[in-house]
């Protein structure tokens, strides 16, 4: 004779219900995770767009400022400004200009032939 369901153990009776609840929790958790991930992607995309626009603005500002600096450094503009302020500045006479040669940079490697020649010259005279 078949047994009555009333007398089945509790584990067998609640097993299918527990599986259904766990599956529902899994699907609900996956859905919430998906929505959260899409929201994060949208927010990050928005931040990237804002920062790209800010970068474009900074580049434009930098270009304007560099053009302004070049204009202010131009000899014509400097001469005009000196005249406006009555500073009494005049062009330097050729005798007042000293031309200096820039010394060689010791950190730059010299070609092998030159360094060998220098080594021979500093070694002193050879005895024959």
Protein backbone atom coordinates (compact mmCIF):
# COMPACT_ATOMS: atom_id res chain seq x y z
CA UNK A 1 0.00 0.00 0.00
CA UNK A 2 1.14 3.51 -0.78
CA UNK A 3 2.00 5.70 2.05
CA UNK A 4 0.26 8.90 2.79
CA UNK A 5 2.13 12.16 2.00
CA UNK A 6 1.48 13.35 5.47
CA UNK A 7 3.95 10.88 6.84
CA UNK A 8 6.86 11.75 4.47
CA UNK A 9 9.96 13.35 5.99
CA UNK A 10 10.10 17.18 5.99
CA UNK A 11 13.20 17.22 3.72
CA UNK A 12 11.34 15.49 0.92
CA UNK A 13 8.26 17.68 1.33
CA UNK A 14 10.18 21.07 1.25
CA UNK A 15 12.87 20.05 -1.28
CA UNK A 16 11.08 21.26 -4.45
CA UNK A 17 9.97 24.49 -2.72
CA UNK A 18 13.55 25.15 -1.56
CA UNK A 19 14.86 24.57 -5.10
CA UNK A 20 12.27 26.99 -6.51
CA UNK A 21 13.19 29.66 -3.94
CA UNK A 22 16.91 29.25 -4.67
CA UNK A 23 16.32 29.48 -8.44
CA UNK A 24 14.23 32.62 -7.94
CA UNK A 25 17.00 34.14 -5.81
CA UNK A 26 19.57 33.24 -8.45
CA UNK A 27 17.55 34.85 -11.24
CA UNK A 28 16.74 37.92 -9.15
CA UNK A 29 20.41 38.32 -8.14
CA UNK A 30 21.51 37.96 -11.75
CA UNK A 31 18.97 40.57 -12.85
CA UNK A 32 20.05 43.03 -10.17
CA UNK A 33 23.70 42.45 -11.07
CA UNK A 34 22.98 43.01 -14.76
CA UNK A 35 21.15 46.27 -14.11
CA UNK A 36 23.91 47.47 -11.74
CA UNK A 37 26.58 46.63 -14.33
CA UNK A 38 24.72 48.49 -17.10
CA UNK A 39 24.30 51.50 -14.81
CA UNK A 40 28.02 51.50 -14.04
CA UNK A 41 28.88 51.29 -17.76
CA UNK A 42 26.57 54.23 -18.47
CA UNK A 43 28.07 56.33 -15.66
CA UNK A 44 31.64 55.58 -16.77
CA UNK A 45 30.78 56.47 -20.37
CA UNK A 46 29.31 59.75 -19.15
CA UNK A 47 32.47 60.51 -17.16
CA UNK A 48 34.66 59.71 -20.18
CA UNK A 49 32.63 62.08 -22.39
CA UNK A 50 32.87 64.87 -19.80
CA UNK A 51 36.62 64.43 -19.44
CA UNK A 52 37.12 64.34 -23.22
CA UNK A 53 35.22 67.63 -23.53
CA UNK A 54 37.31 69.10 -20.71
CA UNK A 55 40.47 67.93 -22.49
CA UNK A 56 39.37 69.62 -25.72
CA UNK A 57 38.69 72.85 -23.80
CA UNK A 58 42.10 72.66 -22.13
CA UNK A 59 43.84 72.11 -25.46
CA UNK A 60 42.04 75.09 -27.00
CA UNK A 61 42.94 77.24 -24.02
CA UNK A 62 46.55 76.08 -24.19
CA UNK A 63 46.72 76.93 -27.89
CA UNK A 64 45.25 80.41 -27.28
CA UNK A 65 47.70 81.04 -24.46
CA UNK A 66 50.70 79.85 -26.47
CA UNK A 67 49.66 82.13 -29.37
CA UNK A 68 49.33 85.03 -26.94
CA UNK A 69 52.76 84.27 -25.47
CA UNK A 70 54.32 84.14 -28.93
CA UNK A 71 52.69 87.47 -29.74
CA UNK A 72 53.98 89.06 -26.54
CA UNK A 73 57.50 87.72 -27.14
CA UNK A 74 57.72 89.03 -30.70
CA UNK A 75 60.37 91.72 -31.18
CA UNK A 76 57.90 94.10 -32.83
CA UNK A 77 55.46 93.86 -29.95
CA UNK A 78 58.27 94.31 -27.40
CA UNK A 79 59.58 97.37 -29.23
CA UNK A 80 56.10 98.84 -29.47
CA UNK A 81 55.48 98.27 -25.76
CA UNK A 82 58.84 99.83 -24.84
CA UNK A 83 57.88 102.94 -26.87
CA UNK A 84 54.46 103.12 -25.18
CA UNK A 85 56.03 103.05 -21.72
CA UNK A 86 58.77 105.57 -22.66
CA UNK A 87 61.52 103.36 -21.28
CA UNK A 88 64.22 104.95 -23.44
CA UNK A 89 65.40 101.60 -24.78
CA UNK A 90 67.34 101.50 -28.06
CA UNK A 91 68.84 98.80 -30.25
CA UNK A 92 72.20 97.48 -29.04
CA UNK A 93 75.25 98.60 -30.95
CA UNK A 94 77.31 95.86 -32.62
CA UNK A 95 80.21 96.61 -30.25
CA UNK A 96 77.94 95.96 -27.28
CA UNK A 97 77.07 92.45 -28.41
CA UNK A 98 79.27 89.60 -27.26
CA UNK A 99 78.91 86.29 -29.04
CA UNK A 100 79.68 83.31 -26.83
CA UNK A 101 80.15 79.79 -28.07
CA UNK A 102 78.37 77.13 -26.15
CA UNK A 103 80.75 74.65 -24.47
CA UNK A 104 80.54 71.02 -25.53
CA UNK A 105 78.31 68.82 -23.45
CA UNK A 106 80.51 66.30 -21.58
CA UNK A 107 77.67 63.81 -21.27
CA UNK A 108 77.45 63.34 -25.05
CA UNK A 109 79.61 60.46 -26.20
CA UNK A 110 82.32 61.39 -28.64
CA UNK A 111 83.29 59.28 -31.63
CA UNK A 112 85.95 56.66 -30.94
CA UNK A 113 88.62 58.30 -33.11
CA UNK A 114 88.40 61.62 -31.27
CA UNK A 115 88.46 60.02 -27.84
CA UNK A 116 91.49 57.91 -28.82
CA UNK A 117 93.27 60.99 -30.09
CA UNK A 118 92.48 62.77 -26.85
CA UNK A 119 93.80 59.82 -24.87
CA UNK A 120 97.10 59.91 -26.78
CA UNK A 121 97.49 63.62 -26.29
CA UNK A 122 96.89 63.45 -22.55
CA UNK A 123 99.22 60.47 -22.08
CA UNK A 124 102.24 62.67 -22.68
CA UNK A 125 105.20 62.32 -24.98
CA UNK A 126 106.39 58.83 -25.81
CA UNK A 127 109.96 57.78 -25.58
CA UNK A 128 111.40 56.28 -28.71
